[in-house]
Amino acid sequence: MTGREESRKGSSVWSAAKPPAPDRDHHSGETSQSRREHIVQVLRDLYYGRSPAARRFRFAVLGFDILSITYFIASSVTGTAESYQIVDFVIGVVLTLDLAIRLMISRRPTTEMRRLSFWIDLVVIVALFGSAILPDLNFVRVLRMLRVLRSYRLLYELRRDFIWFRQQEEVIESAVNLIVFVFVITSLVFVVEHGNNPQFATFLDALYYTITTLTTTGFGDVTADGPWGRVLSIVIMLVGVGLFLRLLQAVFRPMKVAYECPKCGLERHDLDAVHCKHCGEVINIPTEGAV
């Protein structure tokens, strides 16, 4: 065997023993997929986890919601909402990112899209970005308040961490329902009456009319005209008065705490209850102790 043949044979043996070159595209795809899964898991932990960091994140989101709702109310009542389009845009971007993230980390995105909270957030986002075109519908944004306090995990954490929330949960929920109703109806009244009725020159006029109708005071100095105005007045009197009475009932009736009895399921008990009044089962209501 010549030297050239030996060299050729050695080269063929080395080629056979050498492992095939890795598929760079395949490896890159796996890396990007694992990176995406890692990001989704981190975000899922922030939104739904029980770690201190996750809780701080959710309370920060709640703080942002409270500040944005306060801005919505103040800017609409004072008539300055049209002057702060950049603020609307920034809030709209943040809410859009939040909605997109919740869809991305959801194990069933189609189920998430069928929830009422999803569509409420979507309406709020459209109202924020469309406020320059339809400023009269600015207060649809306050629907965000209703969605925030319907979050099961947020309610769970508030009950667990704050005794005052456990004591006043029904009052807070009734107040939120009433406030949302008042401002959404006020927005509708303003849209219906503003162009046709000189008595509704500002959003504050519409709010004043809604409150006087809701409380059955009925001063009569500001009245709604036309069939749609009368329909809204009927809605205010029928639905609004019921919500107002519900709030008064929650405020003035004896204070209770929300805690489900493990035996019979009774959900409201006295603050210092040791036994369930319905079945006598021993219950262990979390408290902060005597002061």
Protein backbone atom coordinates (compact mmCIF):
# COMPACT_ATOMS: atom_id res chain seq x y z
CA MET A 1 0.00 0.00 0.00
CA THR A 2 1.45 3.32 -1.04
CA GLY A 3 1.72 6.34 1.21
CA ARG A 4 -1.02 8.09 -0.77
CA GLU A 5 -3.41 5.13 -0.30
CA GLU A 6 -2.66 5.00 3.42
CA SER A 7 -3.33 8.71 3.71
CA ARG A 8 -6.57 8.30 1.80
CA LYS A 9 -7.63 5.36 4.03
CA GLY A 10 -6.78 7.25 7.20
CA SER A 11 -8.80 10.22 5.95
CA SER A 12 -11.82 8.01 5.27
CA VAL A 13 -11.56 6.39 8.73
CA TRP A 14 -11.36 9.84 10.36
CA SER A 15 -14.36 11.02 8.34
CA ALA A 16 -16.39 8.02 9.45
CA ALA A 17 -15.41 8.50 13.10
CA LYS A 18 -16.04 12.26 13.09
CA PRO A 19 -19.55 13.12 14.37
CA PRO A 20 -21.84 14.98 12.02
CA ALA A 21 -21.88 18.78 12.31
CA PRO A 22 -24.73 20.01 14.49
CA ASP A 23 -27.77 21.51 12.84
CA ARG A 24 -27.36 25.15 13.75
CA ASP A 25 -30.88 26.12 12.72
CA HIS A 26 -32.39 23.32 14.81
CA HIS A 27 -30.25 24.23 17.82
CA SER A 28 -31.13 27.90 17.43
CA GLY A 29 -34.84 27.01 17.25
CA GLU A 30 -34.63 24.98 20.44
CA THR A 31 -32.81 27.81 22.22
CA SER A 32 -35.36 30.42 21.21
CA GLN A 33 -38.20 28.08 22.19
CA SER A 34 -36.71 27.41 25.62
CA ARG A 35 -36.07 31.15 26.10
CA ARG A 36 -39.69 31.91 25.27
CA GLU A 37 -40.92 29.22 27.67
CA HIS A 38 -38.69 30.66 30.39
CA ILE A 39 -40.08 34.17 29.83
CA VAL A 40 -43.66 32.86 29.89
CA GLN A 41 -42.99 30.98 33.14
CA VAL A 42 -41.46 34.07 34.78
CA LEU A 43 -44.46 36.19 33.77
CA ARG A 44 -46.89 33.50 34.90
CA ASP A 45 -45.20 33.41 38.29
CA LEU A 46 -45.49 37.20 38.59
CA TYR A 47 -49.18 37.23 37.69
CA TYR A 48 -50.32 34.09 39.52
CA GLY A 49 -47.51 33.01 41.86
CA ARG A 50 -47.44 33.27 45.64
CA SER A 51 -43.93 34.57 46.15
CA PRO A 52 -43.32 37.95 47.84
CA ALA A 53 -42.11 39.35 44.51
CA ALA A 54 -45.32 38.24 42.77
CA ARG A 55 -47.46 39.80 45.48
CA ARG A 56 -45.52 43.07 45.28
CA PHE A 57 -45.96 43.07 41.52
CA ARG A 58 -49.73 42.56 41.73
CA PHE A 59 -50.11 45.27 44.37
CA ALA A 60 -48.05 47.59 42.12
CA VAL A 61 -50.49 46.85 39.28
CA LEU A 62 -53.36 47.61 41.65
CA GLY A 63 -51.69 50.90 42.58
CA PHE A 64 -51.38 51.80 38.90
CA ASP A 65 -55.08 51.03 38.40
CA ILE A 66 -56.08 53.21 41.35
CA LEU A 67 -53.98 56.13 40.06
CA SER A 68 -55.33 55.79 36.52
CA ILE A 69 -58.95 55.61 37.75
CA THR A 70 -58.36 58.71 39.90
CA TYR A 71 -57.02 60.47 36.81
CA PHE A 72 -60.06 59.37 34.77
CA ILE A 73 -62.48 60.76 37.35
CA ALA A 74 -60.64 64.04 37.95
CA SER A 75 -60.01 64.83 34.27
CA SER A 76 -63.61 64.09 33.25
CA VAL A 77 -65.27 66.05 36.07
CA THR A 78 -63.00 69.09 35.56
CA GLY A 79 -63.38 68.96 31.79
CA THR A 80 -59.64 68.63 31.14
CA ALA A 81 -59.67 65.10 29.67
CA GLU A 82 -59.06 66.38 26.13
CA SER A 83 -55.93 68.24 27.28
CA TYR A 84 -54.05 65.13 28.35
CA GLN A 85 -54.16 62.86 25.31
CA ILE A 86 -50.56 61.78 25.93
CA VAL A 87 -51.55 60.45 29.38
CA ASP A 88 -54.41 58.49 27.80
CA PHE A 89 -51.98 57.07 25.25
CA VAL A 90 -49.45 55.99 27.90
CA ILE A 91 -52.13 54.33 30.04
CA GLY A 92 -53.52 52.65 26.92
CA VAL A 93 -50.09 51.23 26.04
CA VAL A 94 -49.64 49.85 29.57
CA LEU A 95 -53.09 48.23 29.57
CA THR A 96 -52.50 46.80 26.10
CA LEU A 97 -49.24 45.20 27.26
CA ASP A 98 -51.00 43.83 30.34
CA LEU A 99 -53.79 42.32 28.22
CA ALA A 100 -51.32 40.83 25.72
CA ILE A 101 -49.21 39.30 28.51
CA ARG A 102 -52.25 37.74 30.17
CA LEU A 103 -53.22 36.19 26.85
CA MET A 104 -49.67 34.93 26.25
CA ILE A 105 -49.31 33.26 29.66
CA SER A 106 -52.81 31.80 29.67
CA ARG A 107 -52.89 28.04 29.19
CA ARG A 108 -56.20 28.46 27.34
CA PRO A 109 -56.22 31.80 25.48
CA THR A 110 -59.64 31.14 23.93
CA THR A 111 -61.12 30.70 27.40
CA GLU A 112 -59.46 33.93 28.52
CA MET A 113 -61.01 35.75 25.56
CA ARG A 114 -64.48 34.56 26.52
CA ARG A 115 -64.29 36.16 29.96
CA LEU A 116 -66.11 39.40 30.70
CA SER A 117 -62.95 40.94 32.19
CA PHE A 118 -61.16 40.56 28.85
CA TRP A 119 -63.84 42.49 26.97
CA ILE A 120 -64.05 45.14 29.68
CA ASP A 121 -60.30 45.73 29.35
CA LEU A 122 -60.62 45.80 25.56
CA VAL A 123 -63.38 48.44 25.72
CA VAL A 124 -61.26 50.52 28.12
CA ILE A 125 -58.25 50.34 25.76
CA VAL A 126 -60.35 51.33 22.74
CA ALA A 127 -61.79 54.25 24.73
CA LEU A 128 -58.29 55.39 25.71
CA PHE A 129 -56.88 55.34 22.18
CA GLY A 130 -60.12 56.73 20.73
CA SER A 131 -60.52 59.54 23.27
CA ALA A 132 -59.25 62.09 20.74
CA ILE A 133 -62.01 61.07 18.31
CA LEU A 134 -64.82 60.34 20.78
CA PRO A 135 -64.07 62.38 23.92
CA ASP A 136 -67.67 62.01 25.15
CA LEU A 137 -67.05 58.32 25.79
CA ASN A 138 -63.99 58.90 27.95
CA PHE A 139 -65.66 57.64 31.07
CA VAL A 140 -66.19 54.15 29.71
CA ARG A 141 -62.62 53.79 31.02
CA VAL A 142 -63.89 53.61 34.58
CA LEU A 143 -65.07 50.05 33.83
CA ARG A 144 -61.49 49.11 34.67
CA MET A 145 -62.43 49.61 38.34
CA LEU A 146 -65.08 46.89 38.11
CA ARG A 147 -62.67 44.41 36.54
CA VAL A 148 -59.92 45.06 39.12
CA LEU A 149 -62.03 44.18 42.14
CA ARG A 150 -63.46 41.11 40.39
CA SER A 151 -60.02 39.48 40.33
CA TYR A 152 -60.26 36.34 42.48
CA ARG A 153 -56.58 36.31 43.42
CA LEU A 154 -56.58 39.99 44.32
CA LEU A 155 -59.61 39.50 46.56
CA TYR A 156 -57.93 36.48 48.14
CA GLU A 157 -54.77 38.44 48.94
CA LEU A 158 -56.69 41.44 50.28
CA ARG A 159 -58.73 39.17 52.56
CA ARG A 160 -55.62 37.39 53.78
CA ASP A 161 -53.38 40.42 54.34
CA PHE A 162 -55.76 43.14 55.54
CA ILE A 163 -58.25 42.60 58.34
CA TRP A 164 -60.02 45.85 57.51
CA PHE A 165 -60.75 44.50 54.02
CA ARG A 166 -62.24 41.31 55.48
CA GLN A 167 -64.41 43.43 57.73
CA GLN A 168 -65.50 45.90 55.07
CA GLU A 169 -65.47 43.71 51.94
CA GLU A 170 -69.20 43.95 51.28
CA VAL A 171 -69.18 47.73 51.80
CA ILE A 172 -66.23 48.14 49.41
CA GLU A 173 -67.83 45.95 46.74
CA SER A 174 -71.18 47.77 47.01
CA ALA A 175 -69.45 51.16 46.82
CA VAL A 176 -67.44 50.14 43.74
CA ASN A 177 -70.57 48.84 41.98
CA LEU A 178 -72.40 52.10 42.72
CA ILE A 179 -69.50 54.34 41.62
CA VAL A 180 -69.01 52.44 38.36
CA PHE A 181 -72.75 52.60 37.63
CA VAL A 182 -72.90 56.35 38.36
CA PHE A 183 -70.02 57.29 36.08
CA VAL A 184 -70.93 54.97 33.21
CA ILE A 185 -74.54 56.23 33.24
CA THR A 186 -73.26 59.81 33.55
CA SER A 187 -71.16 59.26 30.43
CA LEU A 188 -74.20 57.94 28.54
CA VAL A 189 -76.36 60.85 29.73
CA PHE A 190 -73.72 63.32 28.57
CA VAL A 191 -73.42 61.65 25.16
CA VAL A 192 -77.20 61.59 24.63
CA GLU A 193 -77.99 65.11 25.92
CA HIS A 194 -74.87 67.18 25.25
CA GLY A 195 -75.58 68.08 21.63
CA ASN A 196 -79.33 68.58 22.01
CA ASN A 197 -79.87 69.97 25.50
CA PRO A 198 -78.12 73.21 26.58
CA GLN A 199 -78.57 72.21 30.24
CA PHE A 200 -75.85 69.55 29.76
CA ALA A 201 -72.96 71.81 28.76
CA THR A 202 -70.32 69.91 30.76
CA PHE A 203 -69.73 66.45 32.16
CA LEU A 204 -70.33 67.88 35.63
CA ASP A 205 -73.88 68.84 34.60
CA ALA A 206 -74.54 65.23 33.61
CA LEU A 207 -73.04 63.97 36.87
CA TYR A 208 -75.19 66.41 38.85
CA TYR A 209 -78.32 65.20 37.06
CA THR A 210 -77.42 61.54 37.63
CA ILE A 211 -76.85 62.06 41.37
CA THR A 212 -80.06 64.03 41.91
CA THR A 213 -82.06 61.39 40.05
CA LEU A 214 -80.31 58.51 41.84
CA THR A 215 -81.00 59.94 45.29
CA THR A 216 -84.64 60.70 44.26
CA THR A 217 -84.03 64.35 45.20
CA GLY A 218 -85.17 65.54 41.78
CA PHE A 219 -84.50 69.28 41.98
CA GLY A 220 -85.74 69.69 38.42
CA ASP A 221 -83.27 72.44 37.49
CA VAL A 222 -81.57 70.03 35.06
CA THR A 223 -83.80 67.63 33.15
CA ALA A 224 -83.22 65.15 30.32
CA ASP A 225 -85.21 65.64 27.11
CA GLY A 226 -86.25 63.21 24.44
CA PRO A 227 -87.08 59.49 24.61
CA TRP A 228 -83.51 58.30 25.22
CA GLY A 229 -83.05 60.77 28.05
CA ARG A 230 -86.21 59.46 29.70
CA VAL A 231 -85.04 55.85 29.23
CA LEU A 232 -81.77 56.67 30.98
CA SER A 233 -83.68 58.37 33.78
CA ILE A 234 -85.73 55.20 34.28
CA VAL A 235 -82.55 53.08 34.38
CA ILE A 236 -81.02 55.43 36.96
CA MET A 237 -84.10 55.24 39.19
CA LEU A 238 -84.62 51.47 38.93
CA VAL A 239 -81.03 50.18 39.01
CA GLY A 240 -79.23 53.02 40.73
CA VAL A 241 -81.59 53.29 43.69
CA GLY A 242 -81.22 49.54 44.27
CA LEU A 243 -77.41 49.84 44.30
CA PHE A 244 -77.62 52.85 46.61
CA LEU A 245 -79.86 51.00 49.08
CA ARG A 246 -77.54 47.99 48.89
CA LEU A 247 -74.62 50.21 49.93
CA LEU A 248 -76.60 51.68 52.83
CA GLN A 249 -77.55 48.18 53.96
CA ALA A 250 -73.91 47.06 53.90
CA VAL A 251 -72.80 50.14 55.87
CA PHE A 252 -75.40 50.08 58.63
CA ARG A 253 -76.05 46.42 59.28
CA PRO A 254 -73.96 44.53 61.90
CA MET A 255 -70.35 43.98 60.80
CA LYS A 256 -69.55 40.49 59.53
CA VAL A 257 -66.45 38.79 58.20
CA ALA A 258 -66.29 36.59 55.09
CA TYR A 259 -65.19 33.04 56.01
CA GLU A 260 -66.71 29.83 54.66
CA CYS A 261 -67.72 27.24 57.24
CA PRO A 262 -66.04 23.93 56.28
CA LYS A 263 -69.16 21.96 57.21
CA CYS A 264 -72.28 23.86 56.09
CA GLY A 265 -70.75 26.54 53.85
CA LEU A 266 -72.10 29.60 55.69
CA GLU A 267 -69.95 32.46 54.38
CA ARG A 268 -70.51 35.34 56.84
CA HIS A 269 -69.85 35.26 60.58
CA ASP A 270 -69.38 37.64 63.50
CA LEU A 271 -65.85 38.98 63.85
CA ASP A 272 -65.24 37.08 67.10
CA ALA A 273 -67.16 33.93 66.17
CA VAL A 274 -65.71 30.61 67.36
CA HIS A 275 -68.60 28.39 66.24
CA CYS A 276 -70.76 28.58 63.13
CA LYS A 277 -74.21 29.91 64.07
CA HIS A 278 -75.83 27.67 61.48
CA CYS A 279 -74.36 24.23 62.29
CA GLY A 280 -72.20 24.73 65.40
CA GLU A 281 -68.98 23.70 63.66
CA VAL A 282 -65.76 25.10 65.16
CA ILE A 283 -64.38 27.73 62.79
CA ASN A 284 -60.93 29.28 62.73
CA ILE A 285 -61.29 32.83 61.39
CA PRO A 286 -57.86 34.48 60.91
CA THR A 287 -57.51 37.55 63.12
CA GLU A 288 -54.75 39.92 64.15
CA GLY A 289 -55.53 39.48 67.86
CA ALA A 290 -56.68 41.99 70.43
CA VAL A 291 -55.17 45.43 70.43
